Amino acid sequence: MVPESLISDVFRHVEKAGGLGIGCETGVDGLFAVANVQTTECTASFYEPIMCLVLQGAKEACMRDRIVRYGAGDVLIVSHAIPVEAAVIRASPSEPYAALALQLDLALARSLYDEIGDVGETQDSLHSLDAAASDAALIDAMHRLFLLSKDPVEARALAPLVLKEIHFRLLRARHGGMLRQLLHHDSPASRISKTIATIRGNYKTNIAVAELAAECGMSLSAFHEHFKSVTATTPLQYQKELRLLEARRLLSSSGLSVAAAAYEVGYESPTQFSREFSRKFGLSPKSQKSEARSLAG
């Protein structure tokens, strides 16, 4: 059961920070507070490795054919940086959506390798995006971490201890299987994580999938299989998602023209860029730019 005091405290924190609908930082590095008073449309984005504890309301995240719904008291675990489409599906002014999101620290998780014991792995637990009901201990740890964010002195001294506890409990969670796989440097999950970092660091340039497979020490067929099991897409499609999302950000926040934005993210043909952008987001790049300008003005 999520304490009512935590729900109200998180909502007030977000409201005071002007973060309704977008979220805001807290006084603990990597911990974010989120609140929304209305449902939202499904929007394409990238999820970084995070955990999210929903305090009130509900949300839905989709990876191609996989749909994950999570509501009050549920914990979402995202083990890799993955493209998703997500929406708040339950929220209102009287019962806002509220959540706490924490960036995962892989180095911290790996430091707990010898301490988590035998969890009893099953294939059903191996998802890079998964949610399940939290237990009281994890909710309590997140509550204590949020309270620490209000006092910089306590946060510096005690947050590392609570963060260690939270990572321990996530690694022990039934649906933390893919996160547990990342504890092994040579596991397919870890190898794909390194490939994802390579693609993200070079998303503007053309990539050779065979070279990525070789760097992973996998055959081309095995590489495709493992990459898709983690990201629900192919390496080239993953790169395209990165390019299009960055282009949307540029069109919404900079003075770049459509053609300039296309070239900036690695497209050689503005026509192809416009076609793929429209297919992805349901509006043309020009309309995206105009819409952003009208909202800003």
C-alpha atoms as a PDB file:
ATOM      1  CA  MET A   1       0.000   0.000   0.000  1.00  0.00           C
ATOM      2  CA  VAL A   2       1.386   3.385  -1.016  1.00  0.00           C
ATOM      3  CA  PRO A   3       1.226   5.911   1.869  1.00  0.00           C
ATOM      4  CA  GLU A   4      -1.147   8.799   1.182  1.00  0.00           C
ATOM      5  CA  SER A   5       1.446  11.176   2.608  1.00  0.00           C
ATOM      6  CA  LEU A   6       3.937  10.113  -0.083  1.00  0.00           C
ATOM      7  CA  ILE A   7       1.405  10.680  -2.858  1.00  0.00           C
ATOM      8  CA  SER A   8       0.546  14.166  -1.642  1.00  0.00           C
ATOM      9  CA  ASP A   9       4.185  15.096  -0.978  1.00  0.00           C
ATOM     10  CA  VAL A  10       5.281  14.049  -4.460  1.00  0.00           C
ATOM     11  CA  PHE A  11       2.398  15.856  -6.120  1.00  0.00           C
ATOM     12  CA  ARG A  12       3.067  19.068  -4.191  1.00  0.00           C
ATOM     13  CA  HIS A  13       6.769  18.860  -5.032  1.00  0.00           C
ATOM     14  CA  VAL A  14       6.063  18.566  -8.761  1.00  0.00           C
ATOM     15  CA  GLU A  15       3.380  21.252  -8.678  1.00  0.00           C
ATOM     16  CA  LYS A  16       5.643  23.694  -6.826  1.00  0.00           C
ATOM     17  CA  ALA A  17       8.458  23.053  -9.320  1.00  0.00           C
ATOM     18  CA  GLY A  18       6.137  23.711 -12.273  1.00  0.00           C
ATOM     19  CA  GLY A  19       6.663  20.163 -13.498  1.00  0.00           C
ATOM     20  CA  LEU A  20       3.101  18.917 -13.957  1.00  0.00           C
ATOM     21  CA  GLY A  21       3.046  16.785 -17.088  1.00  0.00           C
ATOM     22  CA  ILE A  22       6.834  16.787 -17.517  1.00  0.00           C
ATOM     23  CA  GLY A  23       8.285  15.787 -14.135  1.00  0.00           C
ATOM     24  CA  CYS A  24      11.104  17.382 -12.166  1.00  0.00           C
ATOM     25  CA  GLU A  25      14.285  16.649 -10.262  1.00  0.00           C
ATOM     26  CA  THR A  26      14.497  16.076  -6.537  1.00  0.00           C
ATOM     27  CA  GLY A  27      17.371  16.680  -4.156  1.00  0.00           C
ATOM     28  CA  VAL A  28      18.802  13.198  -4.863  1.00  0.00           C
ATOM     29  CA  ASP A  29      20.784  12.679  -8.078  1.00  0.00           C
ATOM     30  CA  GLY A  30      18.897  10.441 -10.484  1.00  0.00           C
ATOM     31  CA  LEU A  31      15.594  10.584  -8.592  1.00  0.00           C
ATOM     32  CA  PHE A  32      12.717  12.285 -10.394  1.00  0.00           C
ATOM     33  CA  ALA A  33       9.185  13.099  -9.307  1.00  0.00           C
ATOM     34  CA  VAL A  34       6.351  12.876 -11.845  1.00  0.00           C
ATOM     35  CA  ALA A  35       2.735  14.011 -11.700  1.00  0.00           C
ATOM     36  CA  ASN A  36      -0.061  14.655 -14.162  1.00  0.00           C
ATOM     37  CA  VAL A  37      -3.667  15.720 -13.653  1.00  0.00           C
ATOM     38  CA  GLN A  38      -4.897  14.316 -16.965  1.00  0.00           C
ATOM     39  CA  THR A  39      -4.392  11.369 -19.261  1.00  0.00           C
ATOM     40  CA  THR A  40      -2.063  11.767 -22.229  1.00  0.00           C
ATOM     41  CA  GLU A  41      -1.836  10.555 -25.788  1.00  0.00           C
ATOM     42  CA  CYS A  42       0.567   7.744 -26.605  1.00  0.00           C
ATOM     43  CA  THR A  43       3.920   9.362 -27.428  1.00  0.00           C
ATOM     44  CA  ALA A  44       7.137   7.911 -28.829  1.00  0.00           C
ATOM     45  CA  SER A  45      10.206   8.302 -26.631  1.00  0.00           C
ATOM     46  CA  PHE A  46      13.294   6.528 -25.326  1.00  0.00           C
ATOM     47  CA  TYR A  47      13.397   5.020 -21.865  1.00  0.00           C
ATOM     48  CA  GLU A  48      16.783   4.969 -20.188  1.00  0.00           C
ATOM     49  CA  PRO A  49      17.553   2.208 -17.672  1.00  0.00           C
ATOM     50  CA  ILE A  50      15.238   3.188 -14.827  1.00  0.00           C
ATOM     51  CA  MET A  51      12.815   1.960 -12.239  1.00  0.00           C
ATOM     52  CA  CYS A  52       9.491   3.697 -11.747  1.00  0.00           C
ATOM     53  CA  LEU A  53       7.244   3.295  -8.724  1.00  0.00           C
ATOM     54  CA  VAL A  54       3.681   4.389  -9.494  1.00  0.00           C
ATOM     55  CA  LEU A  55       2.061   5.983  -6.469  1.00  0.00           C
ATOM     56  CA  GLN A  56      -1.355   6.804  -7.963  1.00  0.00           C
ATOM     57  CA  GLY A  57      -3.010   6.507 -11.372  1.00  0.00           C
ATOM     58  CA  ALA A  58      -1.697   4.295 -14.154  1.00  0.00           C
ATOM     59  CA  LYS A  59       0.497   4.313 -17.225  1.00  0.00           C
ATOM     60  CA  GLU A  60       1.013   2.146 -20.294  1.00  0.00           C
ATOM     61  CA  ALA A  61       4.218   1.511 -22.253  1.00  0.00           C
ATOM     62  CA  CYS A  62       4.438  -0.339 -25.566  1.00  0.00           C
ATOM     63  CA  MET A  63       7.370  -2.014 -27.317  1.00  0.00           C
ATOM     64  CA  ARG A  64       5.977  -3.101 -30.659  1.00  0.00           C
ATOM     65  CA  ASP A  65       3.591  -5.944 -29.731  1.00  0.00           C
ATOM     66  CA  ARG A  66       4.446  -5.946 -26.016  1.00  0.00           C
ATOM     67  CA  ILE A  67       2.192  -3.787 -23.856  1.00  0.00           C
ATOM     68  CA  VAL A  68       2.997  -3.202 -20.189  1.00  0.00           C
ATOM     69  CA  ARG A  69       0.417  -1.528 -17.942  1.00  0.00           C
ATOM     70  CA  TYR A  70       1.370  -0.449 -14.446  1.00  0.00           C
ATOM     71  CA  GLY A  71      -0.639   1.285 -11.756  1.00  0.00           C
ATOM     72  CA  ALA A  72      -0.552   2.290  -8.097  1.00  0.00           C
ATOM     73  CA  GLY A  73       1.890   0.139  -6.149  1.00  0.00           C
ATOM     74  CA  ASP A  74       3.516  -1.327  -9.260  1.00  0.00           C
ATOM     75  CA  VAL A  75       7.199  -1.040 -10.127  1.00  0.00           C
ATOM     76  CA  LEU A  76       8.434  -0.761 -13.701  1.00  0.00           C
ATOM     77  CA  ILE A  77      11.985  -1.975 -14.384  1.00  0.00           C
ATOM     78  CA  VAL A  78      13.722  -0.898 -17.603  1.00  0.00           C
ATOM     79  CA  SER A  79      17.104  -2.599 -17.988  1.00  0.00           C
ATOM     80  CA  HIS A  80      18.276  -1.116 -21.330  1.00  0.00           C
ATOM     81  CA  ALA A  81      17.827   2.106 -23.300  1.00  0.00           C
ATOM     82  CA  ILE A  82      14.873   1.199 -25.491  1.00  0.00           C
ATOM     83  CA  PRO A  83      12.373   2.906 -27.812  1.00  0.00           C
ATOM     84  CA  VAL A  84       8.827   2.878 -26.449  1.00  0.00           C
ATOM     85  CA  GLU A  85       5.463   4.517 -26.882  1.00  0.00           C
ATOM     86  CA  ALA A  86       3.920   5.501 -23.577  1.00  0.00           C
ATOM     87  CA  ALA A  87       0.831   7.218 -22.188  1.00  0.00           C
ATOM     88  CA  VAL A  88      -0.729   8.090 -18.850  1.00  0.00           C
ATOM     89  CA  ILE A  89      -3.990   6.144 -18.933  1.00  0.00           C
ATOM     90  CA  ARG A  90      -5.432   7.022 -15.518  1.00  0.00           C
ATOM     91  CA  ALA A  91      -5.246  10.526 -14.063  1.00  0.00           C
ATOM     92  CA  SER A  92      -7.599  13.328 -13.026  1.00  0.00           C
ATOM     93  CA  PRO A  93      -7.481  16.548 -11.006  1.00  0.00           C
ATOM     94  CA  SER A  94      -8.997  14.722  -8.037  1.00  0.00           C
ATOM     95  CA  GLU A  95      -6.689  11.677  -8.362  1.00  0.00           C
ATOM     96  CA  PRO A  96      -3.564  12.734 -10.278  1.00  0.00           C
ATOM     97  CA  TYR A  97      -1.035  10.358 -11.703  1.00  0.00           C
ATOM     98  CA  ALA A  98       2.019  10.411  -9.420  1.00  0.00           C
ATOM     99  CA  ALA A  99       5.249   8.433  -9.572  1.00  0.00           C
ATOM    100  CA  LEU A 100       8.894   8.342  -8.543  1.00  0.00           C
ATOM    101  CA  ALA A 101      11.461   7.389 -11.193  1.00  0.00           C
ATOM    102  CA  LEU A 102      15.053   6.433 -10.398  1.00  0.00           C
ATOM    103  CA  GLN A 103      17.904   6.063 -12.885  1.00  0.00           C
ATOM    104  CA  LEU A 104      19.549   2.667 -12.484  1.00  0.00           C
ATOM    105  CA  ASP A 105      23.251   2.484 -11.651  1.00  0.00           C
ATOM    106  CA  LEU A 106      24.701  -0.607 -13.330  1.00  0.00           C
ATOM    107  CA  ALA A 107      28.001  -0.326 -11.459  1.00  0.00           C
ATOM    108  CA  LEU A 108      26.119  -0.293  -8.159  1.00  0.00           C
ATOM    109  CA  ALA A 109      23.993  -3.248  -9.276  1.00  0.00           C
ATOM    110  CA  ARG A 110      27.094  -5.240 -10.246  1.00  0.00           C
ATOM    111  CA  SER A 111      28.664  -4.535  -6.863  1.00  0.00           C
ATOM    112  CA  LEU A 112      25.787  -6.537  -5.357  1.00  0.00           C
ATOM    113  CA  TYR A 113      26.466  -9.636  -7.455  1.00  0.00           C
ATOM    114  CA  ASP A 114      27.622 -11.764  -4.519  1.00  0.00           C
ATOM    115  CA  GLU A 115      24.837 -10.580  -2.225  1.00  0.00           C
ATOM    116  CA  ILE A 116      21.570 -11.197  -4.071  1.00  0.00           C
ATOM    117  CA  GLY A 117      21.582 -14.976  -3.681  1.00  0.00           C
ATOM    118  CA  ASP A 118      19.660 -17.431  -5.846  1.00  0.00           C
ATOM    119  CA  VAL A 119      16.488 -15.817  -7.163  1.00  0.00           C
ATOM    120  CA  GLY A 120      15.372 -18.736  -9.332  1.00  0.00           C
ATOM    121  CA  GLU A 121      15.481 -17.384 -12.879  1.00  0.00           C
ATOM    122  CA  THR A 122      12.699 -18.099 -15.363  1.00  0.00           C
ATOM    123  CA  GLN A 123      12.380 -17.138 -19.018  1.00  0.00           C
ATOM    124  CA  ASP A 124       9.261 -15.122 -18.153  1.00  0.00           C
ATOM    125  CA  SER A 125      11.405 -12.710 -16.122  1.00  0.00           C
ATOM    126  CA  LEU A 126      13.721 -11.822 -19.025  1.00  0.00           C
ATOM    127  CA  HIS A 127      12.172  -8.630 -20.355  1.00  0.00           C
ATOM    128  CA  SER A 128      13.940  -5.299 -20.756  1.00  0.00           C
ATOM    129  CA  LEU A 129      10.631  -3.592 -19.921  1.00  0.00           C
ATOM    130  CA  ASP A 130       8.468  -5.187 -17.261  1.00  0.00           C
ATOM    131  CA  ALA A 131       6.267  -4.279 -14.318  1.00  0.00           C
ATOM    132  CA  ALA A 132       4.864  -6.054 -11.292  1.00  0.00           C
ATOM    133  CA  ALA A 133       3.431  -5.266  -7.888  1.00  0.00           C
ATOM    134  CA  SER A 134       5.995  -3.879  -5.485  1.00  0.00           C
ATOM    135  CA  ASP A 135       6.499  -5.136  -1.977  1.00  0.00           C
ATOM    136  CA  ALA A 136       6.223  -2.983   1.128  1.00  0.00           C
ATOM    137  CA  ALA A 137       9.996  -2.925   1.656  1.00  0.00           C
ATOM    138  CA  LEU A 138      10.735  -1.360  -1.756  1.00  0.00           C
ATOM    139  CA  ILE A 139       7.944   1.205  -1.354  1.00  0.00           C
ATOM    140  CA  ASP A 140       9.360   2.099   2.066  1.00  0.00           C
ATOM    141  CA  ALA A 141      12.876   2.489   0.631  1.00  0.00           C
ATOM    142  CA  MET A 142      11.631   4.798  -2.136  1.00  0.00           C
ATOM    143  CA  HIS A 143       9.665   6.801   0.438  1.00  0.00           C
ATOM    144  CA  ARG A 144      12.795   7.237   2.574  1.00  0.00           C
ATOM    145  CA  LEU A 145      14.845   8.256  -0.475  1.00  0.00           C
ATOM    146  CA  PHE A 146      12.328  10.933  -1.412  1.00  0.00           C
ATOM    147  CA  LEU A 147      12.287  12.268   2.152  1.00  0.00           C
ATOM    148  CA  LEU A 148      16.101  12.457   2.084  1.00  0.00           C
ATOM    149  CA  SER A 149      15.874  14.650  -1.018  1.00  0.00           C
ATOM    150  CA  LYS A 150      14.487  17.441   1.158  1.00  0.00           C
ATOM    151  CA  ASP A 151      17.691  17.729   3.202  1.00  0.00           C
ATOM    152  CA  PRO A 152      20.985  18.081   1.259  1.00  0.00           C
ATOM    153  CA  VAL A 153      23.093  17.026   4.252  1.00  0.00           C
ATOM    154  CA  GLU A 154      21.081  13.855   4.866  1.00  0.00           C
ATOM    155  CA  ALA A 155      20.953  13.164   1.129  1.00  0.00           C
ATOM    156  CA  ARG A 156      24.749  13.241   0.819  1.00  0.00           C
ATOM    157  CA  ALA A 157      25.262  11.014   3.848  1.00  0.00           C
ATOM    158  CA  LEU A 158      22.401   8.537   3.624  1.00  0.00           C
ATOM    159  CA  ALA A 159      21.170   8.393   0.021  1.00  0.00           C
ATOM    160  CA  PRO A 160      24.000   6.020  -1.076  1.00  0.00           C
ATOM    161  CA  LEU A 161      22.844   3.514   1.540  1.00  0.00           C
ATOM    162  CA  VAL A 162      19.212   3.688   0.459  1.00  0.00           C
ATOM    163  CA  LEU A 163      20.178   3.516  -3.227  1.00  0.00           C
ATOM    164  CA  LYS A 164      22.097   0.317  -2.518  1.00  0.00           C
ATOM    165  CA  GLU A 165      19.050  -1.120  -0.787  1.00  0.00           C
ATOM    166  CA  ILE A 166      16.769  -0.201  -3.691  1.00  0.00           C
ATOM    167  CA  HIS A 167      19.069  -1.800  -6.284  1.00  0.00           C
ATOM    168  CA  PHE A 168      19.297  -4.903  -4.097  1.00  0.00           C
ATOM    169  CA  ARG A 169      15.519  -5.196  -3.932  1.00  0.00           C
ATOM    170  CA  LEU A 170      15.130  -4.641  -7.686  1.00  0.00           C
ATOM    171  CA  LEU A 171      17.689  -7.365  -8.380  1.00  0.00           C
ATOM    172  CA  ARG A 172      15.717  -9.689  -6.112  1.00  0.00           C
ATOM    173  CA  ALA A 173      12.390  -8.810  -7.736  1.00  0.00           C
ATOM    174  CA  ARG A 174      10.632 -11.519  -9.737  1.00  0.00           C
ATOM    175  CA  HIS A 175      10.563  -9.304 -12.833  1.00  0.00           C
ATOM    176  CA  GLY A 176      14.183  -8.178 -12.501  1.00  0.00           C
ATOM    177  CA  GLY A 177      15.565 -11.019 -14.603  1.00  0.00           C
ATOM    178  CA  MET A 178      17.007  -8.907 -17.412  1.00  0.00           C
ATOM    179  CA  LEU A 179      18.597  -6.589 -14.860  1.00  0.00           C
ATOM    180  CA  ARG A 180      20.180  -9.630 -13.202  1.00  0.00           C
ATOM    181  CA  GLN A 181      21.550 -10.721 -16.593  1.00  0.00           C
ATOM    182  CA  LEU A 182      23.452  -7.430 -16.786  1.00  0.00           C
ATOM    183  CA  LEU A 183      25.484  -8.474 -13.753  1.00  0.00           C
ATOM    184  CA  HIS A 184      27.343 -10.908 -16.031  1.00  0.00           C
ATOM    185  CA  HIS A 185      29.766  -9.055 -18.330  1.00  0.00           C
ATOM    186  CA  ASP A 186      29.639 -11.755 -21.017  1.00  0.00           C
ATOM    187  CA  SER A 187      25.867 -12.333 -21.030  1.00  0.00           C
ATOM    188  CA  PRO A 188      23.902 -11.528 -24.206  1.00  0.00           C
ATOM    189  CA  ALA A 189      22.134  -8.775 -22.235  1.00  0.00           C
ATOM    190  CA  SER A 190      25.453  -7.105 -21.394  1.00  0.00           C
ATOM    191  CA  ARG A 191      26.774  -7.468 -24.939  1.00  0.00           C
ATOM    192  CA  ILE A 192      23.628  -5.919 -26.399  1.00  0.00           C
ATOM    193  CA  SER A 193      23.872  -3.115 -23.843  1.00  0.00           C
ATOM    194  CA  LYS A 194      27.353  -2.292 -25.183  1.00  0.00           C
ATOM    195  CA  THR A 195      26.038  -2.390 -28.760  1.00  0.00           C
ATOM    196  CA  ILE A 196      23.246   0.005 -27.820  1.00  0.00           C
ATOM    197  CA  ALA A 197      25.854   2.399 -26.418  1.00  0.00           C
ATOM    198  CA  THR A 198      27.816   2.143 -29.677  1.00  0.00           C
ATOM    199  CA  ILE A 199      24.759   2.898 -31.810  1.00  0.00           C
ATOM    200  CA  ARG A 200      23.724   5.816 -29.611  1.00  0.00           C
ATOM    201  CA  GLY A 201      27.200   7.278 -29.763  1.00  0.00           C
ATOM    202  CA  ASN A 202      27.299   7.039 -33.568  1.00  0.00           C
ATOM    203  CA  TYR A 203      23.645   7.315 -34.572  1.00  0.00           C
ATOM    204  CA  LYS A 204      24.332  10.022 -37.181  1.00  0.00           C
ATOM    205  CA  THR A 205      26.584   7.749 -39.244  1.00  0.00           C
ATOM    206  CA  ASN A 206      25.687   4.631 -41.195  1.00  0.00           C
ATOM    207  CA  ILE A 207      26.338   1.446 -39.260  1.00  0.00           C
ATOM    208  CA  ALA A 208      27.408  -1.984 -40.468  1.00  0.00           C
ATOM    209  CA  VAL A 209      25.344  -4.570 -38.616  1.00  0.00           C
ATOM    210  CA  ALA A 210      27.887  -7.299 -39.377  1.00  0.00           C
ATOM    211  CA  GLU A 211      30.554  -5.244 -37.588  1.00  0.00           C
ATOM    212  CA  LEU A 212      28.294  -4.796 -34.555  1.00  0.00           C
ATOM    213  CA  ALA A 213      27.711  -8.556 -34.448  1.00  0.00           C
ATOM    214  CA  ALA A 214      31.442  -9.201 -34.666  1.00  0.00           C
ATOM    215  CA  GLU A 215      32.119  -6.764 -31.814  1.00  0.00           C
ATOM    216  CA  CYS A 216      29.559  -8.709 -29.755  1.00  0.00           C
ATOM    217  CA  GLY A 217      31.251 -11.982 -30.586  1.00  0.00           C
ATOM    218  CA  MET A 218      28.039 -13.322 -32.108  1.00  0.00           C
ATOM    219  CA  SER A 219      26.990 -14.687 -35.436  1.00  0.00           C
ATOM    220  CA  LEU A 220      24.792 -12.333 -37.451  1.00  0.00           C
ATOM    221  CA  SER A 221      21.674 -14.425 -36.834  1.00  0.00           C
ATOM    222  CA  ALA A 222      22.331 -14.727 -33.082  1.00  0.00           C
ATOM    223  CA  PHE A 223      23.043 -10.990 -32.851  1.00  0.00           C
ATOM    224  CA  HIS A 224      19.739 -10.117 -34.536  1.00  0.00           C
ATOM    225  CA  GLU A 225      17.880 -12.514 -32.250  1.00  0.00           C
ATOM    226  CA  HIS A 226      19.366 -11.151 -29.040  1.00  0.00           C
ATOM    227  CA  PHE A 227      19.121  -7.515 -30.119  1.00  0.00           C
ATOM    228  CA  LYS A 228      15.444  -7.921 -30.942  1.00  0.00           C
ATOM    229  CA  SER A 229      14.734  -9.782 -27.701  1.00  0.00           C
ATOM    230  CA  VAL A 230      16.033  -6.751 -25.780  1.00  0.00           C
ATOM    231  CA  THR A 231      14.812  -3.833 -27.900  1.00  0.00           C
ATOM    232  CA  ALA A 232      11.894  -5.376 -29.853  1.00  0.00           C
ATOM    233  CA  THR A 233      13.445  -3.967 -33.020  1.00  0.00           C
ATOM    234  CA  THR A 234      16.460  -4.289 -35.335  1.00  0.00           C
ATOM    235  CA  PRO A 235      19.723  -2.326 -35.046  1.00  0.00           C
ATOM    236  CA  LEU A 236      18.917  -0.245 -38.128  1.00  0.00           C
ATOM    237  CA  GLN A 237      15.384   0.487 -36.913  1.00  0.00           C
ATOM    238  CA  TYR A 238      16.799   1.379 -33.496  1.00  0.00           C
ATOM    239  CA  GLN A 239      19.112   3.888 -35.156  1.00  0.00           C
ATOM    240  CA  LYS A 240      16.197   5.315 -37.137  1.00  0.00           C
ATOM    241  CA  GLU A 241      14.201   5.776 -33.915  1.00  0.00           C
ATOM    242  CA  LEU A 242      17.118   7.696 -32.410  1.00  0.00           C
ATOM    243  CA  ARG A 243      17.429   9.928 -35.460  1.00  0.00           C
ATOM    244  CA  LEU A 244      13.733  10.727 -35.650  1.00  0.00           C
ATOM    245  CA  LEU A 245      13.363  11.467 -31.943  1.00  0.00           C
ATOM    246  CA  GLU A 246      16.391  13.767 -32.004  1.00  0.00           C
ATOM    247  CA  ALA A 247      15.022  15.482 -35.114  1.00  0.00           C
ATOM    248  CA  ARG A 248      11.698  16.056 -33.357  1.00  0.00           C
ATOM    249  CA  ARG A 249      13.558  17.625 -30.442  1.00  0.00           C
ATOM    250  CA  LEU A 250      15.534  19.882 -32.786  1.00  0.00           C
ATOM    251  CA  LEU A 251      12.446  20.983 -34.691  1.00  0.00           C
ATOM    252  CA  SER A 252      10.673  21.754 -31.421  1.00  0.00           C
ATOM    253  CA  SER A 253      13.478  23.592 -29.662  1.00  0.00           C
ATOM    254  CA  SER A 254      15.814  25.115 -32.248  1.00  0.00           C
ATOM    255  CA  GLY A 255      15.621  27.404 -35.243  1.00  0.00           C
ATOM    256  CA  LEU A 256      16.793  24.723 -37.672  1.00  0.00           C
ATOM    257  CA  SER A 257      14.913  24.274 -40.909  1.00  0.00           C
ATOM    258  CA  VAL A 258      13.440  20.872 -41.784  1.00  0.00           C
ATOM    259  CA  ALA A 259      16.296  20.140 -44.194  1.00  0.00           C
ATOM    260  CA  ALA A 260      18.918  21.253 -41.671  1.00  0.00           C
ATOM    261  CA  ALA A 261      17.396  19.043 -38.971  1.00  0.00           C
ATOM    262  CA  ALA A 262      17.405  16.099 -41.383  1.00  0.00           C
ATOM    263  CA  TYR A 263      21.090  16.547 -42.180  1.00  0.00           C
ATOM    264  CA  GLU A 264      21.933  17.151 -38.525  1.00  0.00           C
ATOM    265  CA  VAL A 265      20.668  13.697 -37.478  1.00  0.00           C
ATOM    266  CA  GLY A 266      22.279  11.849 -40.368  1.00  0.00           C
ATOM    267  CA  TYR A 267      19.725  11.820 -43.191  1.00  0.00           C
ATOM    268  CA  GLU A 268      21.081  12.434 -46.679  1.00  0.00           C
ATOM    269  CA  SER A 269      17.641  12.993 -48.211  1.00  0.00           C
ATOM    270  CA  PRO A 270      15.205  15.534 -46.688  1.00  0.00           C
ATOM    271  CA  THR A 271      12.442  13.882 -48.699  1.00  0.00           C
ATOM    272  CA  GLN A 272      13.091  10.496 -47.121  1.00  0.00           C
ATOM    273  CA  PHE A 273      13.370  12.171 -43.723  1.00  0.00           C
ATOM    274  CA  SER A 274       9.987  13.898 -44.119  1.00  0.00           C
ATOM    275  CA  ARG A 275       8.351  10.668 -45.220  1.00  0.00           C
ATOM    276  CA  GLU A 276       9.723   8.642 -42.288  1.00  0.00           C
ATOM    277  CA  PHE A 277       9.063  11.431 -39.776  1.00  0.00           C
ATOM    278  CA  SER A 278       5.421  11.682 -40.871  1.00  0.00           C
ATOM    279  CA  ARG A 279       4.980   7.920 -40.679  1.00  0.00           C
ATOM    280  CA  LYS A 280       6.464   7.817 -37.172  1.00  0.00           C
ATOM    281  CA  PHE A 281       4.747  10.802 -35.552  1.00  0.00           C
ATOM    282  CA  GLY A 282       1.601  11.270 -37.608  1.00  0.00           C
ATOM    283  CA  LEU A 283       2.471  14.807 -38.724  1.00  0.00           C
ATOM    284  CA  SER A 284       5.023  16.330 -41.059  1.00  0.00           C
ATOM    285  CA  PRO A 285       8.278  17.896 -39.833  1.00  0.00           C
ATOM    286  CA  LYS A 286       6.981  21.278 -40.955  1.00  0.00           C
ATOM    287  CA  SER A 287       3.813  20.798 -38.909  1.00  0.00           C
ATOM    288  CA  GLN A 288       5.903  19.716 -35.900  1.00  0.00           C
ATOM    289  CA  LYS A 289       7.902  22.924 -36.163  1.00  0.00           C
ATOM    290  CA  SER A 290       4.781  25.061 -36.501  1.00  0.00           C
ATOM    291  CA  GLU A 291       3.074  23.322 -33.593  1.00  0.00           C
ATOM    292  CA  ALA A 292       6.098  23.878 -31.342  1.00  0.00           C
ATOM    293  CA  ARG A 293       6.236  27.540 -32.343  1.00  0.00           C
ATOM    294  CA  SER A 294       2.539  28.056 -31.550  1.00  0.00           C
ATOM    295  CA  LEU A 295       2.897  26.410 -28.131  1.00  0.00           C
ATOM    296  CA  ALA A 296       5.927  28.571 -27.330  1.00  0.00           C
ATOM    297  CA  GLY A 297       4.181  31.726 -28.435  1.00  0.00           C
END
